[in-house]
Amino acid sequence: MIKKTNILEIIYPSKCGICGNLDKDGLCDECYTKLNKHVRNRIICPSKKLGIVYFQVGMYIYDYKDIRNLMINYKFNQKSYLNKLFFKLITKNNVIQNYINKFDVIIPVPIHKNRYRERGYNQISLILKNMYDNRILEKKLVKIVDNKRQSTLNLEERKINIKKSYKITDVDVIQGKRVLIVDDIYTTGNTLNECSRILKENGAEIVGILAIAKD
């Protein structure tokens, strides 16, 4: 008997998210090589304008300008299949894998349930699900305020907008742990810093952040 997933692959074979050629990983070798030329793997140095910084370490993989179109298509144009492409970019990056392996718990930045209904998926959760890693914990950090999109606000407005937007649903899973928070884009850092604050105040020993891109 052919498994359901195999049947779907026959009917809708996976394609490279960039060139459209058939590829089971969603990113062909040729396009991967082109994207790999833009890899930065840089440490995030938060701006003093962020105020108190609650995360101890942070990294990003790309400059946003180099993968902007892919990000926009993935988040806003219903191209959820691009999760395979981003998954491959992360897992084939040895520097980033070594960084991820330093943490006990991995948490995707959550989106509000209203945003989830609108989009149909959390873009970071969808990528991380490909890892089949029991360190990945969803719904332990949740967004409880459906506030304005950070991208529509200036720096000061972002600080105010994101405050008290998140809560921990299970303190035990983070207490005394090294926790990594993963997001798609680091712009001002307010979202990741607010998530870090909640985690630190609820007992996380160390909080690190990882962004696919930095703007």
N, C-alpha and C. Protein backbone atom coordinates (compact mmCIF):
# COMPACT_ATOMS: atom_id res chain seq x y z
N MET A 1 0.85 -1.21 0.00
CA MET A 1 0.00 0.00 0.00
C MET A 1 0.88 1.25 0.00
N ILE A 2 0.60 2.19 -0.89
CA ILE A 2 1.37 3.42 -0.96
C ILE A 2 0.89 4.39 0.13
N LYS A 3 1.85 4.92 0.88
CA LYS A 3 1.51 5.87 1.93
C LYS A 3 0.89 7.12 1.32
N LYS A 4 0.03 7.76 2.13
CA LYS A 4 -0.66 8.97 1.68
C LYS A 4 0.34 10.04 1.26
N THR A 5 1.41 10.21 2.05
CA THR A 5 2.39 11.25 1.73
C THR A 5 3.05 10.98 0.39
N ASN A 6 3.27 9.68 0.07
CA ASN A 6 3.88 9.34 -1.21
C ASN A 6 2.93 9.63 -2.36
N ILE A 7 1.64 9.38 -2.15
CA ILE A 7 0.64 9.67 -3.18
C ILE A 7 0.63 11.16 -3.49
N LEU A 8 0.67 11.97 -2.42
CA LEU A 8 0.68 13.42 -2.62
C LEU A 8 1.93 13.87 -3.37
N GLU A 9 3.05 13.21 -3.10
CA GLU A 9 4.28 13.56 -3.81
C GLU A 9 4.18 13.22 -5.30
N ILE A 10 3.43 12.15 -5.61
CA ILE A 10 3.25 11.77 -7.01
C ILE A 10 2.36 12.79 -7.73
N ILE A 11 1.28 13.20 -7.03
CA ILE A 11 0.33 14.14 -7.64
C ILE A 11 0.90 15.56 -7.65
N TYR A 12 1.51 15.93 -6.52
CA TYR A 12 2.08 17.27 -6.39
C TYR A 12 3.56 17.15 -6.01
N PRO A 13 4.41 16.80 -6.97
CA PRO A 13 5.83 16.62 -6.66
C PRO A 13 6.48 17.92 -6.18
N SER A 14 7.39 17.78 -5.21
CA SER A 14 8.07 18.95 -4.66
C SER A 14 8.93 19.62 -5.71
N LYS A 15 8.90 20.94 -5.69
CA LYS A 15 9.70 21.72 -6.64
C LYS A 15 10.57 22.71 -5.89
N CYS A 16 11.63 23.11 -6.54
CA CYS A 16 12.49 24.15 -5.98
C CYS A 16 11.67 25.43 -5.87
N GLY A 17 11.72 26.07 -4.70
CA GLY A 17 10.93 27.27 -4.47
C GLY A 17 11.41 28.48 -5.24
N ILE A 18 12.55 28.36 -5.91
CA ILE A 18 13.09 29.49 -6.66
C ILE A 18 12.92 29.30 -8.17
N CYS A 19 13.48 28.21 -8.70
CA CYS A 19 13.45 28.02 -10.15
C CYS A 19 12.28 27.17 -10.63
N GLY A 20 11.65 26.42 -9.72
CA GLY A 20 10.49 25.61 -10.10
C GLY A 20 10.83 24.22 -10.60
N ASN A 21 12.10 23.87 -10.68
CA ASN A 21 12.48 22.52 -11.10
C ASN A 21 12.15 21.52 -9.99
N LEU A 22 11.91 20.28 -10.38
CA LEU A 22 11.58 19.25 -9.41
C LEU A 22 12.72 19.07 -8.42
N ASP A 23 12.38 19.06 -7.14
CA ASP A 23 13.38 18.83 -6.11
C ASP A 23 12.67 18.47 -4.81
N LYS A 24 12.99 17.32 -4.24
CA LYS A 24 12.28 16.84 -3.05
C LYS A 24 12.51 17.71 -1.82
N ASP A 25 13.63 18.45 -1.79
CA ASP A 25 13.94 19.29 -0.64
C ASP A 25 13.44 20.72 -0.78
N GLY A 26 12.81 21.04 -1.92
CA GLY A 26 12.27 22.38 -2.11
C GLY A 26 13.30 23.41 -2.50
N LEU A 27 14.55 22.97 -2.70
CA LEU A 27 15.61 23.90 -3.10
C LEU A 27 16.68 23.11 -3.83
N CYS A 28 16.80 23.34 -5.12
CA CYS A 28 17.76 22.57 -5.92
C CYS A 28 19.19 23.00 -5.61
N ASP A 29 20.14 22.17 -5.99
CA ASP A 29 21.55 22.44 -5.68
C ASP A 29 22.04 23.75 -6.31
N GLU A 30 21.57 24.01 -7.53
CA GLU A 30 22.03 25.21 -8.23
C GLU A 30 21.56 26.48 -7.51
N CYS A 31 20.28 26.50 -7.13
CA CYS A 31 19.74 27.66 -6.43
C CYS A 31 20.31 27.78 -5.02
N TYR A 32 20.56 26.63 -4.38
CA TYR A 32 21.17 26.64 -3.06
C TYR A 32 22.56 27.29 -3.12
N THR A 33 23.33 26.92 -4.14
CA THR A 33 24.67 27.48 -4.31
C THR A 33 24.61 29.00 -4.46
N LYS A 34 23.63 29.47 -5.23
CA LYS A 34 23.49 30.92 -5.43
C LYS A 34 23.14 31.63 -4.12
N LEU A 35 22.19 31.04 -3.38
CA LEU A 35 21.79 31.64 -2.11
C LEU A 35 22.92 31.57 -1.08
N ASN A 36 23.66 30.48 -1.13
CA ASN A 36 24.72 30.27 -0.15
C ASN A 36 25.81 31.34 -0.23
N LYS A 37 25.92 31.97 -1.39
CA LYS A 37 26.91 33.04 -1.56
C LYS A 37 26.58 34.26 -0.70
N HIS A 38 25.31 34.36 -0.30
CA HIS A 38 24.86 35.52 0.48
C HIS A 38 24.84 35.26 1.99
N VAL A 39 25.21 34.05 2.41
CA VAL A 39 25.18 33.71 3.83
C VAL A 39 26.11 34.64 4.62
N ARG A 40 25.62 35.14 5.75
CA ARG A 40 26.41 36.02 6.60
C ARG A 40 26.84 35.33 7.90
N ASN A 41 25.91 34.63 8.56
CA ASN A 41 26.20 33.98 9.85
C ASN A 41 26.85 34.95 10.83
N ARG A 42 26.18 36.07 11.03
CA ARG A 42 26.75 37.13 11.87
C ARG A 42 26.12 37.15 13.27
N ILE A 43 26.90 37.63 14.22
CA ILE A 43 26.40 37.86 15.56
C ILE A 43 25.50 39.10 15.56
N ILE A 44 24.40 39.03 16.28
CA ILE A 44 23.52 40.19 16.40
C ILE A 44 24.01 41.08 17.53
N CYS A 45 24.32 42.30 17.20
CA CYS A 45 24.72 43.31 18.19
C CYS A 45 23.57 44.29 18.35
N PRO A 46 22.78 44.16 19.39
CA PRO A 46 21.59 45.01 19.54
C PRO A 46 21.93 46.48 19.69
N SER A 47 21.08 47.31 19.14
CA SER A 47 21.24 48.75 19.24
C SER A 47 20.97 49.22 20.67
N LYS A 48 21.65 50.27 21.10
CA LYS A 48 21.41 50.84 22.42
C LYS A 48 19.98 51.36 22.54
N LYS A 49 19.37 51.67 21.40
CA LYS A 49 17.99 52.16 21.41
C LYS A 49 17.00 51.09 21.88
N LEU A 50 17.45 49.83 21.89
CA LEU A 50 16.58 48.74 22.34
C LEU A 50 16.35 48.81 23.84
N GLY A 51 17.25 49.48 24.56
CA GLY A 51 17.14 49.56 26.02
C GLY A 51 17.76 48.34 26.66
N ILE A 52 17.14 47.82 27.70
CA ILE A 52 17.65 46.63 28.38
C ILE A 52 17.54 45.44 27.43
N VAL A 53 18.64 44.72 27.27
CA VAL A 53 18.65 43.55 26.39
C VAL A 53 18.55 42.29 27.25
N TYR A 54 17.57 41.45 26.95
CA TYR A 54 17.30 40.28 27.77
C TYR A 54 17.86 38.98 27.19
N PHE A 55 18.34 39.01 25.95
CA PHE A 55 18.96 37.81 25.40
C PHE A 55 20.48 37.95 25.50
N GLN A 56 21.16 36.82 25.71
CA GLN A 56 22.60 36.85 25.92
C GLN A 56 23.40 36.74 24.62
N VAL A 57 22.81 36.11 23.62
CA VAL A 57 23.53 35.88 22.37
C VAL A 57 22.52 35.81 21.23
N GLY A 58 22.95 36.20 20.04
CA GLY A 58 22.05 36.15 18.89
C GLY A 58 22.81 36.03 17.59
N MET A 59 22.19 35.39 16.62
CA MET A 59 22.79 35.25 15.30
C MET A 59 21.74 35.44 14.22
N TYR A 60 22.19 35.88 13.05
CA TYR A 60 21.32 35.88 11.88
C TYR A 60 22.09 35.30 10.70
N ILE A 61 21.34 34.82 9.70
CA ILE A 61 21.97 34.08 8.60
C ILE A 61 22.16 34.96 7.37
N TYR A 62 21.15 35.74 7.01
CA TYR A 62 21.19 36.55 5.78
C TYR A 62 20.90 38.02 6.07
N ASP A 63 21.39 38.87 5.21
CA ASP A 63 20.87 40.23 5.15
C ASP A 63 19.50 40.16 4.46
N TYR A 64 18.55 40.87 5.02
CA TYR A 64 17.18 40.78 4.52
C TYR A 64 17.08 41.09 3.02
N LYS A 65 17.84 42.07 2.56
CA LYS A 65 17.76 42.47 1.16
C LYS A 65 18.08 41.32 0.20
N ASP A 66 18.87 40.35 0.66
CA ASP A 66 19.28 39.25 -0.21
C ASP A 66 18.21 38.15 -0.34
N ILE A 67 17.26 38.10 0.60
CA ILE A 67 16.20 37.08 0.50
C ILE A 67 14.82 37.71 0.68
N ARG A 68 14.72 39.00 0.44
CA ARG A 68 13.48 39.73 0.67
C ARG A 68 12.30 39.13 -0.09
N ASN A 69 12.46 38.88 -1.38
CA ASN A 69 11.34 38.36 -2.18
C ASN A 69 10.87 37.00 -1.68
N LEU A 70 11.81 36.15 -1.29
CA LEU A 70 11.44 34.84 -0.76
C LEU A 70 10.65 34.99 0.53
N MET A 71 11.09 35.87 1.39
CA MET A 71 10.41 36.09 2.66
C MET A 71 8.99 36.61 2.46
N ILE A 72 8.84 37.58 1.57
CA ILE A 72 7.52 38.15 1.31
C ILE A 72 6.58 37.09 0.74
N ASN A 73 7.07 36.32 -0.20
CA ASN A 73 6.24 35.25 -0.78
C ASN A 73 5.83 34.23 0.27
N TYR A 74 6.77 33.88 1.14
CA TYR A 74 6.50 32.87 2.16
C TYR A 74 5.48 33.35 3.19
N LYS A 75 5.66 34.58 3.67
CA LYS A 75 4.80 35.08 4.75
C LYS A 75 3.46 35.61 4.27
N PHE A 76 3.45 36.30 3.13
CA PHE A 76 2.25 37.05 2.77
C PHE A 76 1.55 36.61 1.49
N ASN A 77 2.20 35.75 0.71
CA ASN A 77 1.60 35.35 -0.58
C ASN A 77 1.18 33.88 -0.62
N GLN A 78 0.93 33.32 0.57
CA GLN A 78 0.39 31.96 0.68
C GLN A 78 1.28 30.89 0.05
N LYS A 79 2.57 31.11 0.06
CA LYS A 79 3.49 30.11 -0.49
C LYS A 79 4.15 29.35 0.66
N SER A 80 3.29 28.65 1.40
CA SER A 80 3.77 27.93 2.59
C SER A 80 4.76 26.83 2.25
N TYR A 81 4.72 26.33 1.00
CA TYR A 81 5.64 25.27 0.60
C TYR A 81 7.10 25.70 0.66
N LEU A 82 7.34 27.00 0.75
CA LEU A 82 8.72 27.49 0.84
C LEU A 82 9.36 27.14 2.18
N ASN A 83 8.58 26.57 3.11
CA ASN A 83 9.16 26.16 4.38
C ASN A 83 10.29 25.15 4.18
N LYS A 84 10.17 24.30 3.17
CA LYS A 84 11.22 23.32 2.89
C LYS A 84 12.51 23.99 2.46
N LEU A 85 12.37 25.05 1.69
CA LEU A 85 13.53 25.80 1.22
C LEU A 85 14.28 26.41 2.41
N PHE A 86 13.55 27.07 3.31
CA PHE A 86 14.20 27.70 4.46
C PHE A 86 14.78 26.65 5.41
N PHE A 87 14.08 25.52 5.53
CA PHE A 87 14.60 24.43 6.35
C PHE A 87 15.95 23.94 5.84
N LYS A 88 16.06 23.80 4.53
CA LYS A 88 17.32 23.34 3.94
C LYS A 88 18.43 24.37 4.15
N LEU A 89 18.08 25.65 4.03
CA LEU A 89 19.08 26.70 4.24
C LEU A 89 19.64 26.67 5.66
N ILE A 90 18.80 26.32 6.62
CA ILE A 90 19.24 26.26 8.02
C ILE A 90 20.04 24.99 8.30
N THR A 91 19.51 23.85 7.87
CA THR A 91 20.12 22.57 8.25
C THR A 91 21.42 22.27 7.51
N LYS A 92 21.64 22.89 6.37
CA LYS A 92 22.90 22.68 5.66
C LYS A 92 23.97 23.69 6.06
N ASN A 93 23.63 24.55 6.99
CA ASN A 93 24.54 25.58 7.47
C ASN A 93 25.20 25.09 8.77
N ASN A 94 26.44 24.63 8.68
CA ASN A 94 27.11 24.03 9.83
C ASN A 94 27.31 25.00 10.98
N VAL A 95 27.59 26.25 10.67
CA VAL A 95 27.78 27.26 11.72
C VAL A 95 26.49 27.42 12.53
N ILE A 96 25.37 27.51 11.83
CA ILE A 96 24.08 27.69 12.50
C ILE A 96 23.68 26.43 13.25
N GLN A 97 23.96 25.27 12.69
CA GLN A 97 23.64 24.02 13.39
C GLN A 97 24.42 23.90 14.69
N ASN A 98 25.68 24.27 14.67
CA ASN A 98 26.48 24.24 15.90
C ASN A 98 25.94 25.21 16.94
N TYR A 99 25.45 26.34 16.46
CA TYR A 99 24.85 27.33 17.36
C TYR A 99 23.56 26.77 17.97
N ILE A 100 22.70 26.20 17.15
CA ILE A 100 21.43 25.63 17.63
C ILE A 100 21.67 24.53 18.66
N ASN A 101 22.71 23.74 18.45
CA ASN A 101 22.98 22.60 19.32
C ASN A 101 23.42 23.00 20.73
N LYS A 102 23.66 24.27 20.97
CA LYS A 102 24.05 24.73 22.29
C LYS A 102 22.86 24.90 23.23
N PHE A 103 21.64 24.76 22.69
CA PHE A 103 20.44 25.06 23.47
C PHE A 103 19.65 23.80 23.82
N ASP A 104 18.96 23.88 24.97
CA ASP A 104 18.14 22.76 25.45
C ASP A 104 16.74 22.80 24.87
N VAL A 105 16.25 24.00 24.61
CA VAL A 105 14.87 24.21 24.17
C VAL A 105 14.87 25.19 23.00
N ILE A 106 14.03 24.90 22.01
CA ILE A 106 13.89 25.77 20.84
C ILE A 106 12.43 26.20 20.73
N ILE A 107 12.20 27.51 20.67
CA ILE A 107 10.83 28.02 20.64
C ILE A 107 10.66 28.98 19.46
N PRO A 108 9.68 28.73 18.59
CA PRO A 108 9.39 29.69 17.52
C PRO A 108 8.64 30.89 18.08
N VAL A 109 8.94 32.07 17.56
CA VAL A 109 8.17 33.25 17.97
C VAL A 109 6.71 33.01 17.57
N PRO A 110 5.79 33.09 18.52
CA PRO A 110 4.39 32.80 18.20
C PRO A 110 3.70 33.96 17.50
N ILE A 111 2.62 33.64 16.80
CA ILE A 111 1.76 34.68 16.24
C ILE A 111 0.38 34.54 16.90
N HIS A 112 -0.37 35.61 16.91
CA HIS A 112 -1.69 35.58 17.55
C HIS A 112 -2.63 34.68 16.76
N LYS A 113 -3.61 34.12 17.43
CA LYS A 113 -4.54 33.18 16.79
C LYS A 113 -5.29 33.83 15.63
N ASN A 114 -5.55 35.13 15.73
CA ASN A 114 -6.22 35.81 14.62
C ASN A 114 -5.33 35.88 13.39
N ARG A 115 -4.04 36.15 13.61
CA ARG A 115 -3.08 36.18 12.50
C ARG A 115 -2.91 34.78 11.91
N TYR A 116 -2.96 33.79 12.79
CA TYR A 116 -2.83 32.41 12.32
C TYR A 116 -4.00 32.04 11.41
N ARG A 117 -5.21 32.42 11.81
CA ARG A 117 -6.38 32.13 10.98
C ARG A 117 -6.29 32.84 9.63
N GLU A 118 -5.76 34.03 9.66
CA GLU A 118 -5.64 34.83 8.43
C GLU A 118 -4.61 34.22 7.48
N ARG A 119 -3.45 33.83 8.02
CA ARG A 119 -2.35 33.32 7.19
C ARG A 119 -2.45 31.82 6.96
N GLY A 120 -2.93 31.11 7.97
CA GLY A 120 -3.05 29.66 7.85
C GLY A 120 -1.88 28.89 8.44
N TYR A 121 -0.84 29.59 8.86
CA TYR A 121 0.34 28.93 9.43
C TYR A 121 1.23 29.95 10.11
N ASN A 122 2.01 29.45 11.08
CA ASN A 122 3.09 30.24 11.66
C ASN A 122 4.33 29.91 10.85
N GLN A 123 4.90 30.89 10.20
CA GLN A 123 5.97 30.64 9.23
C GLN A 123 7.20 29.98 9.86
N ILE A 124 7.51 30.31 11.10
CA ILE A 124 8.67 29.70 11.75
C ILE A 124 8.36 28.30 12.25
N SER A 125 7.18 28.11 12.82
CA SER A 125 6.78 26.77 13.27
C SER A 125 6.81 25.77 12.12
N LEU A 126 6.35 26.23 10.96
CA LEU A 126 6.31 25.35 9.79
C LEU A 126 7.71 24.89 9.38
N ILE A 127 8.69 25.78 9.49
CA ILE A 127 10.07 25.42 9.17
C ILE A 127 10.61 24.44 10.20
N LEU A 128 10.41 24.74 11.48
CA LEU A 128 10.99 23.92 12.55
C LEU A 128 10.39 22.52 12.62
N LYS A 129 9.13 22.37 12.17
CA LYS A 129 8.50 21.05 12.21
C LYS A 129 9.25 20.03 11.36
N ASN A 130 9.97 20.51 10.36
CA ASN A 130 10.75 19.61 9.52
C ASN A 130 11.91 18.96 10.27
N MET A 131 12.27 19.52 11.40
CA MET A 131 13.45 19.03 12.13
C MET A 131 13.17 17.78 12.96
N TYR A 132 11.92 17.53 13.31
CA TYR A 132 11.58 16.37 14.15
C TYR A 132 12.49 16.31 15.37
N ASP A 133 12.63 17.43 16.05
CA ASP A 133 13.53 17.56 17.19
C ASP A 133 12.69 17.78 18.44
N ASN A 134 12.87 16.92 19.45
CA ASN A 134 12.03 17.04 20.65
C ASN A 134 12.38 18.25 21.51
N ARG A 135 13.40 19.01 21.11
CA ARG A 135 13.69 20.25 21.82
C ARG A 135 12.76 21.37 21.39
N ILE A 136 12.10 21.21 20.26
CA ILE A 136 11.22 22.24 19.73
C ILE A 136 9.88 22.20 20.47
N LEU A 137 9.55 23.30 21.12
CA LEU A 137 8.33 23.37 21.91
C LEU A 137 7.42 24.47 21.38
N GLU A 138 6.24 24.08 20.97
CA GLU A 138 5.24 25.04 20.52
C GLU A 138 4.19 25.23 21.60
N LYS A 139 3.56 26.36 21.57
CA LYS A 139 2.45 26.69 22.47
C LYS A 139 2.88 26.76 23.93
N LYS A 140 4.18 26.85 24.18
CA LYS A 140 4.67 27.11 25.53
C LYS A 140 4.86 28.61 25.73
N LEU A 141 5.14 29.29 24.63
CA LEU A 141 5.13 30.75 24.59
C LEU A 141 4.05 31.14 23.60
N VAL A 142 3.07 31.91 24.04
CA VAL A 142 1.95 32.26 23.18
C VAL A 142 1.77 33.77 23.13
N LYS A 143 1.20 34.23 22.03
CA LYS A 143 0.92 35.65 21.89
C LYS A 143 -0.53 35.89 22.28
N ILE A 144 -0.74 36.78 23.24
CA ILE A 144 -2.07 36.98 23.80
C ILE A 144 -2.71 38.30 23.37
N VAL A 145 -1.94 39.14 22.67
CA VAL A 145 -2.47 40.43 22.21
C VAL A 145 -2.34 40.50 20.69
N ASP A 146 -3.44 40.79 20.04
CA ASP A 146 -3.44 40.94 18.58
C ASP A 146 -3.16 42.40 18.25
N ASN A 147 -1.90 42.79 18.40
CA ASN A 147 -1.56 44.19 18.21
C ASN A 147 -1.23 44.51 16.76
N LYS A 148 -0.88 45.76 16.52
CA LYS A 148 -0.55 46.18 15.17
C LYS A 148 0.73 45.49 14.70
N ARG A 149 0.88 45.33 13.40
CA ARG A 149 2.10 44.74 12.86
C ARG A 149 3.27 45.66 13.13
N GLN A 150 4.35 45.09 13.64
CA GLN A 150 5.53 45.87 13.97
C GLN A 150 6.09 46.60 12.75
N SER A 151 5.95 45.99 11.59
CA SER A 151 6.53 46.57 10.37
C SER A 151 5.87 47.89 9.97
N THR A 152 4.70 48.18 10.56
CA THR A 152 3.99 49.42 10.21
C THR A 152 4.32 50.56 11.17
N LEU A 153 5.19 50.30 12.18
CA LEU A 153 5.43 51.26 13.23
C LEU A 153 6.88 51.74 13.26
N ASN A 154 7.09 52.91 13.88
CA ASN A 154 8.46 53.38 14.07
C ASN A 154 9.06 52.75 15.32
N LEU A 155 10.31 53.10 15.62
CA LEU A 155 11.04 52.45 16.70
C LEU A 155 10.34 52.57 18.05
N GLU A 156 9.95 53.78 18.43
CA GLU A 156 9.32 53.98 19.73
C GLU A 156 7.96 53.30 19.81
N GLU A 157 7.22 53.36 18.71
CA GLU A 157 5.90 52.71 18.67
C GLU A 157 6.04 51.20 18.81
N ARG A 158 7.09 50.64 18.23
CA ARG A 158 7.31 49.19 18.31
C ARG A 158 7.53 48.75 19.75
N LYS A 159 8.30 49.53 20.49
CA LYS A 159 8.56 49.19 21.89
C LYS A 159 7.27 49.10 22.69
N ILE A 160 6.42 50.10 22.50
CA ILE A 160 5.15 50.14 23.23
C ILE A 160 4.20 49.06 22.74
N ASN A 161 4.14 48.89 21.44
CA ASN A 161 3.18 47.98 20.82
C ASN A 161 3.36 46.52 21.27
N ILE A 162 4.62 46.11 21.48
CA ILE A 162 4.91 44.71 21.74
C ILE A 162 4.88 44.34 23.23
N LYS A 163 4.86 45.34 24.11
CA LYS A 163 4.90 45.09 25.54
C LYS A 163 3.71 44.24 26.01
N LYS A 164 4.01 43.27 26.83
CA LYS A 164 3.00 42.40 27.47
C LYS A 164 2.12 41.69 26.44
N SER A 165 2.73 41.35 25.30
CA SER A 165 1.98 40.66 24.24
C SER A 165 2.10 39.15 24.33
N TYR A 166 3.00 38.65 25.18
CA TYR A 166 3.27 37.21 25.24
C TYR A 166 3.14 36.69 26.66
N LYS A 167 2.91 35.39 26.77
CA LYS A 167 2.94 34.75 28.08
C LYS A 167 3.43 33.31 27.96
N ILE A 168 3.95 32.79 29.07
CA ILE A 168 4.41 31.41 29.15
C ILE A 168 3.26 30.54 29.64
N THR A 169 3.02 29.42 28.98
CA THR A 169 1.94 28.53 29.41
C THR A 169 2.45 27.35 30.25
N ASP A 170 3.75 27.12 30.23
CA ASP A 170 4.33 26.01 30.99
C ASP A 170 5.72 26.41 31.46
N VAL A 171 5.79 26.92 32.66
CA VAL A 171 7.05 27.44 33.20
C VAL A 171 8.09 26.32 33.37
N ASP A 172 7.64 25.14 33.73
CA ASP A 172 8.56 24.04 34.04
C ASP A 172 9.49 23.69 32.88
N VAL A 173 9.03 23.84 31.65
CA VAL A 173 9.83 23.40 30.50
C VAL A 173 10.98 24.35 30.18
N ILE A 174 10.97 25.55 30.79
CA ILE A 174 12.05 26.50 30.50
C ILE A 174 12.93 26.81 31.70
N GLN A 175 12.48 26.48 32.90
CA GLN A 175 13.24 26.84 34.09
C GLN A 175 14.61 26.17 34.09
N GLY A 176 15.64 26.98 34.26
CA GLY A 176 16.99 26.48 34.30
C GLY A 176 17.53 26.00 32.96
N LYS A 177 16.81 26.28 31.87
CA LYS A 177 17.20 25.78 30.54
C LYS A 177 17.83 26.87 29.69
N ARG A 178 18.59 26.42 28.71
CA ARG A 178 19.15 27.31 27.69
C ARG A 178 18.15 27.33 26.55
N VAL A 179 17.51 28.46 26.34
CA VAL A 179 16.38 28.56 25.41
C VAL A 179 16.76 29.39 24.18
N LEU A 180 16.46 28.85 23.02
CA LEU A 180 16.67 29.56 21.76
C LEU A 180 15.32 29.97 21.18
N ILE A 181 15.17 31.26 20.88
CA ILE A 181 13.96 31.76 20.22
C ILE A 181 14.29 32.00 18.76
N VAL A 182 13.43 31.52 17.87
CA VAL A 182 13.68 31.62 16.42
C VAL A 182 12.61 32.50 15.77
N ASP A 183 13.07 33.43 14.94
CA ASP A 183 12.14 34.29 14.19
C ASP A 183 12.64 34.44 12.77
N ASP A 184 11.82 35.03 11.91
CA ASP A 184 12.22 35.18 10.52
C ASP A 184 13.10 36.40 10.30
N ILE A 185 12.68 37.56 10.82
CA ILE A 185 13.42 38.80 10.55
C ILE A 185 13.71 39.56 11.84
N TYR A 186 14.93 40.00 11.98
CA TYR A 186 15.32 40.89 13.07
C TYR A 186 15.45 42.29 12.49
N THR A 187 14.60 43.20 12.96
CA THR A 187 14.67 44.58 12.48
C THR A 187 15.17 45.47 13.61
N THR A 188 14.30 45.83 14.53
CA THR A 188 14.74 46.61 15.68
C THR A 188 15.10 45.71 16.86
N GLY A 189 14.59 44.48 16.84
CA GLY A 189 14.87 43.54 17.93
C GLY A 189 13.83 43.56 19.04
N ASN A 190 12.82 44.42 18.93
CA ASN A 190 11.85 44.55 20.02
C ASN A 190 11.05 43.27 20.26
N THR A 191 10.64 42.60 19.20
CA THR A 191 9.85 41.38 19.37
C THR A 191 10.66 40.29 20.06
N LEU A 192 11.84 40.01 19.57
CA LEU A 192 12.68 38.98 20.17
C LEU A 192 13.12 39.36 21.57
N ASN A 193 13.34 40.63 21.82
CA ASN A 193 13.74 41.06 23.15
C ASN A 193 12.59 40.91 24.15
N GLU A 194 11.38 41.21 23.72
CA GLU A 194 10.23 41.04 24.61
C GLU A 194 9.99 39.56 24.91
N CYS A 195 10.14 38.70 23.92
CA CYS A 195 10.02 37.26 24.16
C CYS A 195 11.11 36.81 25.14
N SER A 196 12.30 37.34 24.96
CA SER A 196 13.42 36.99 25.85
C SER A 196 13.14 37.43 27.28
N ARG A 197 12.55 38.60 27.42
CA ARG A 197 12.22 39.10 28.77
C ARG A 197 11.28 38.15 29.49
N ILE A 198 10.24 37.72 28.80
CA ILE A 198 9.27 36.81 29.40
C ILE A 198 9.95 35.51 29.82
N LEU A 199 10.82 34.99 28.96
CA LEU A 199 11.50 33.73 29.25
C LEU A 199 12.45 33.87 30.43
N LYS A 200 13.21 34.96 30.47
CA LYS A 200 14.14 35.18 31.58
C LYS A 200 13.40 35.35 32.90
N GLU A 201 12.32 36.09 32.87
CA GLU A 201 11.56 36.33 34.09
C GLU A 201 10.84 35.09 34.60
N ASN A 202 10.72 34.09 33.73
CA ASN A 202 10.09 32.83 34.13
C ASN A 202 11.10 31.70 34.31
N GLY A 203 12.37 32.07 34.45
CA GLY A 203 13.34 31.07 34.90
C GLY A 203 14.32 30.52 33.88
N ALA A 204 14.28 30.97 32.64
CA ALA A 204 15.27 30.49 31.67
C ALA A 204 16.66 30.92 32.11
N GLU A 205 17.61 30.00 32.03
CA GLU A 205 18.98 30.32 32.46
C GLU A 205 19.66 31.24 31.45
N ILE A 206 19.58 30.87 30.18
CA ILE A 206 20.17 31.65 29.10
C ILE A 206 19.15 31.72 27.98
N VAL A 207 19.04 32.87 27.36
CA VAL A 207 18.16 33.02 26.19
C VAL A 207 19.02 33.48 25.01
N GLY A 208 18.93 32.74 23.93
CA GLY A 208 19.58 33.13 22.69
C GLY A 208 18.53 33.33 21.61
N ILE A 209 18.90 34.08 20.59
CA ILE A 209 17.95 34.32 19.49
C ILE A 209 18.61 33.94 18.16
N LEU A 210 17.76 33.52 17.23
CA LEU A 210 18.19 33.22 15.88
C LEU A 210 17.18 33.82 14.92
N ALA A 211 17.66 34.61 13.97
CA ALA A 211 16.82 35.17 12.92
C ALA A 211 17.34 34.69 11.58
N ILE A 212 16.43 34.36 10.69
CA ILE A 212 16.86 33.95 9.35
C ILE A 212 17.50 35.14 8.65
N ALA A 213 16.94 36.33 8.86
CA ALA A 213 17.47 37.52 8.20
C ALA A 213 17.47 38.72 9.14
N LYS A 214 18.35 39.65 8.86
CA LYS A 214 18.40 40.91 9.61
C LYS A 214 18.24 42.07 8.64
N ASP A 215 17.33 42.97 8.98
CA ASP A 215 17.05 44.12 8.12
C ASP A 215 17.84 45.33 8.61
